[in-house]
Protein backbone atom coordinates (compact mmCIF):
# COMPACT_ATOMS: atom_id res chain seq x y z
CA VAL A 1 3.05 -12.80 15.12
CA ALA A 2 1.19 -10.09 17.52
CA SER A 3 0.60 -6.66 15.98
CA ASN A 4 -0.82 -3.12 17.09
CA ARG A 5 -2.13 -0.42 14.77
CA LEU A 6 -1.84 3.26 14.94
CA GLU A 7 -3.49 5.54 13.07
CA PHE A 8 -3.24 9.15 11.73
CA GLU A 9 -5.22 11.49 9.69
CA PHE A 10 -4.07 14.05 6.98
CA ASN A 11 -6.39 16.95 7.13
CA LYS A 12 -8.46 17.95 4.19
CA GLU A 13 -6.18 21.02 3.38
CA LEU A 14 -3.04 19.01 3.17
CA PHE A 15 -4.99 16.03 1.14
CA ASN A 16 -6.11 18.87 -1.17
CA LYS A 17 -2.50 19.90 -1.55
CA LEU A 18 -1.38 16.30 -2.23
CA ASN A 19 -3.95 15.96 -4.80
CA ASN A 20 -3.10 18.89 -6.73
CA PHE A 21 0.67 18.04 -6.93
CA CYS A 22 -0.52 14.58 -8.07
CA LYS A 23 -2.88 16.00 -10.80
CA GLU A 24 -0.32 18.74 -11.85
CA ASN A 25 2.56 16.06 -12.40
CA LYS A 26 -0.04 13.45 -13.68
CA ILE A 27 0.61 10.93 -11.20
CA SER A 28 -1.56 8.82 -8.60
CA MET A 29 -2.04 9.54 -4.94
CA TYR A 30 -0.85 5.98 -4.70
CA ASN A 31 2.28 6.29 -6.65
CA PHE A 32 3.04 9.59 -5.05
CA LEU A 33 2.71 7.65 -1.32
CA ILE A 34 4.93 4.83 -2.60
CA ALA A 35 7.56 7.01 -3.53
CA ILE A 36 7.69 9.08 -0.30
CA TYR A 37 7.67 5.74 1.81
CA SER A 38 10.24 4.08 -0.45
CA ILE A 39 12.77 6.95 -0.19
CA TYR A 40 12.43 6.82 3.43
CA ILE A 41 12.50 2.88 3.66
CA GLY A 42 15.63 3.08 1.39
CA LYS A 43 17.42 5.58 3.79
CA ILE A 44 16.53 3.97 6.85
CA ASN A 45 17.72 0.53 5.70
CA ASN A 46 20.72 1.96 3.63
CA THR A 47 19.54 0.33 0.37
CA GLU A 48 18.93 1.75 -3.03
CA ASP A 49 16.84 -1.64 -4.00
CA PHE A 50 14.39 -3.69 -2.47
CA SER A 51 10.70 -4.95 -2.77
CA LEU A 52 7.49 -3.82 -1.41
CA GLY A 53 3.99 -6.02 -1.20
CA ALA A 54 1.17 -4.33 -2.98
CA PRO A 55 -2.43 -5.40 -2.73
CA VAL A 56 -4.20 -5.39 -5.94
CA LEU A 57 -7.79 -5.46 -6.69
CA ASN A 58 -8.06 -8.69 -8.55
CA ARG A 59 -11.12 -8.52 -10.77
CA SER A 60 -9.79 -8.51 -14.25
CA ASN A 61 -12.46 -10.38 -16.07
CA PHE A 62 -16.32 -10.12 -16.60
CA ALA A 63 -17.41 -12.95 -13.92
CA GLU A 64 -15.40 -11.36 -11.00
CA LYS A 65 -16.47 -7.83 -11.75
CA HIS A 66 -19.94 -9.01 -11.36
CA THR A 67 -19.56 -11.32 -8.21
CA SER A 68 -19.53 -9.93 -4.59
CA GLY A 69 -16.48 -11.15 -2.13
CA MET A 70 -12.72 -10.15 -2.02
CA PHE A 71 -10.82 -10.55 -4.89
CA ILE A 72 -7.47 -9.56 -3.66
CA SER A 73 -4.08 -10.46 -4.35
CA THR A 74 -0.68 -9.03 -3.46
CA SER A 75 2.02 -8.36 -6.23
CA LEU A 76 5.71 -7.44 -5.59
CA LEU A 77 6.74 -3.92 -6.55
CA LYS A 78 10.32 -3.70 -7.46
CA ILE A 79 11.59 -0.32 -5.90
CA ASN A 80 14.96 1.14 -7.04
CA THR A 81 15.85 4.74 -5.59
CA SER A 82 18.89 5.44 -7.73
CA ASN A 83 19.15 6.60 -11.08
CA ASN A 84 16.20 9.58 -10.31
CA PRO A 85 17.83 13.19 -9.95
CA THR A 86 14.37 14.60 -8.88
CA PHE A 87 11.50 13.44 -7.07
CA ALA A 88 9.23 13.97 -10.03
CA GLN A 89 11.20 11.51 -12.04
CA PHE A 90 11.54 9.04 -9.22
CA VAL A 91 7.55 9.07 -9.01
CA HIS A 92 7.02 8.74 -12.66
CA THR A 93 9.60 5.70 -12.23
CA ILE A 94 6.99 4.17 -9.68
CA SER A 95 4.20 4.75 -11.89
CA LYS A 96 5.73 2.94 -14.62
CA THR A 97 6.93 0.19 -12.28
CA SER A 98 3.30 -0.03 -10.72
CA MET A 99 1.37 -0.35 -14.31
CA SER A 100 4.02 -3.00 -15.12
CA MET A 101 3.05 -4.86 -11.97
CA LEU A 102 -0.49 -4.81 -12.98
CA LYS A 103 0.07 -6.39 -15.87
CA HIS A 104 0.80 -9.63 -13.57
CA GLN A 105 -1.51 -9.36 -11.15
CA LYS A 106 -2.96 -13.04 -11.78
CA TYR A 107 0.36 -14.38 -10.81
CA ASP A 108 -0.28 -14.22 -7.23
CA TYR A 109 2.72 -13.63 -4.95
CA LYS A 110 2.30 -16.81 -3.36
CA TYR A 111 2.99 -18.33 -6.67
CA ILE A 112 6.14 -16.28 -6.94
CA LEU A 113 7.36 -17.54 -3.51
CA ASP A 114 6.50 -21.14 -4.38
CA ASP A 115 8.55 -20.74 -7.42
CA VAL A 116 11.51 -19.10 -5.73
CA ARG A 117 11.45 -21.70 -2.98
CA LYS A 118 11.86 -24.65 -5.39
CA ASN A 119 15.31 -23.79 -5.53
CA SER A 120 15.87 -23.06 -1.83
CA PHE A 121 13.51 -23.74 0.91
CA ASP A 122 15.24 -21.26 3.25
CA ILE A 123 14.31 -18.09 1.39
CA PRO A 124 12.16 -15.92 3.49
CA ASN A 125 9.36 -13.39 2.14
CA LEU A 126 10.52 -11.37 -0.61
CA TYR A 127 9.11 -8.21 1.09
CA ASP A 128 8.89 -6.94 4.59
CA ILE A 129 6.43 -3.84 4.26
CA ALA A 130 3.00 -3.80 2.43
CA LEU A 131 1.45 -0.64 1.41
CA SER A 132 -2.36 -0.44 0.19
CA TYR A 133 -4.42 2.17 -0.90
CA GLN A 134 -8.19 2.48 -0.95
CA ILE A 135 -10.50 5.17 -1.69
CA THR A 136 -13.93 4.07 -1.58
CA LYS A 137 -17.42 5.69 -1.89
CA ALA A 138 -19.02 3.32 0.69
CA THR A 139 -21.80 5.87 1.89
CA ASP A 140 -25.23 5.85 0.20
CA THR A 141 -27.16 8.74 1.32
CA SER A 142 -30.20 7.59 -0.67
CA LEU A 143 -30.73 4.67 1.91
CA ALA A 144 -33.17 5.19 4.69
CA ILE A 145 -30.77 4.00 7.58
CA PRO A 146 -27.55 5.91 7.72
CA TYR A 147 -24.29 3.90 7.84
CA GLU A 148 -20.45 4.26 7.82
CA SER A 149 -18.12 1.55 6.93
CA THR A 150 -15.36 0.64 9.41
CA TRP A 151 -12.10 -1.26 9.09
CA TYR A 152 -11.07 -3.04 12.01
CA ALA A 153 -7.15 -4.18 12.58
CA THR A 154 -6.13 -7.96 12.98
CA PRO A 155 -4.10 -8.72 16.06
CA TYR A 156 -1.65 -10.81 14.17
CA ILE A 157 0.40 -9.97 10.92
CA SER A 158 3.08 -11.71 8.77
CA ASN A 159 4.92 -8.44 7.56
CA SER A 160 7.01 -6.47 10.17
CA MET A 161 4.56 -3.69 9.06
CA ASP A 162 1.57 -3.07 6.70
CA ILE A 163 0.64 0.64 6.10
CA HIS A 164 -2.96 1.32 4.86
CA PHE A 165 -3.75 4.79 3.06
CA HIS A 166 -7.86 4.98 2.96
CA ASP A 167 -10.77 7.22 2.94
CA ASN A 168 -13.39 4.36 3.53
CA ASN A 169 -16.21 7.02 3.97
CA ASP A 170 -15.45 9.32 1.06
CA ALA A 171 -15.02 12.18 4.05
CA GLY A 172 -12.25 13.75 1.68
CA ASN A 173 -9.52 13.11 4.36
CA LEU A 174 -6.96 10.68 4.04
CA LEU A 175 -6.27 8.05 7.04
CA ILE A 176 -2.96 6.41 7.35
CA GLU A 177 -2.90 3.30 9.25
CA TYR A 178 0.06 1.61 10.33
CA ASP A 179 -0.17 -2.28 11.60
CA TYR A 180 3.02 -3.32 13.06
CA GLN A 181 4.66 -6.36 14.55
CA VAL A 182 5.13 -5.57 18.62
CA CYS A 183 8.21 -7.41 18.54
CA LYS A 184 9.82 -5.36 16.27
CA TYR A 185 8.53 -1.58 16.46
CA GLU A 186 7.65 0.15 19.76
CA LYS A 187 4.70 2.79 19.54
CA GLU A 188 7.41 5.68 19.33
CA ASP A 189 9.25 4.28 16.42
CA ILE A 190 5.83 4.25 14.33
CA ILE A 191 5.39 8.03 15.58
CA ASN A 192 8.98 8.48 14.39
CA ILE A 193 8.24 7.05 10.98
CA HIS A 194 4.98 8.78 10.40
């Protein structure tokens, strides 16, 4: 389905405050962001129980760790926003769920969907929104030729929305990119979500 991308930037001051909050509460930035967006998604969809797509780096054995190329798979992250009286408790629940999900990262989403569809062919995707998080140290100042990495949007996506959090050039700020299906969202919708 045809898509578009909108990009926003957290300034360094806000990013530092978020990092400090995460350090004080012993949580990762990714789990913090999943919690924030999960609360929002749950509220606008009027549900406490849903799934998100979570791309994971699938380099779990020696050969993959020493081979160039993409080793990414998508896992399902089951979200339940009930029974968490405080935000900090909810983020810790998300953290435990994320760690549990990583134990099963080799069982790719495609296999899960194939297994579920064996009983019923008309089952749609098990998630409609994916959240990814990448902090890379792609800039090497020791090289004679300066360079930086760029992440290009694709003109088509299968989910209604993919939300990417990243700092590809280790600049100390966080970019948030919303890839969204143009048949489901207007630009103003994405601005309001953000």
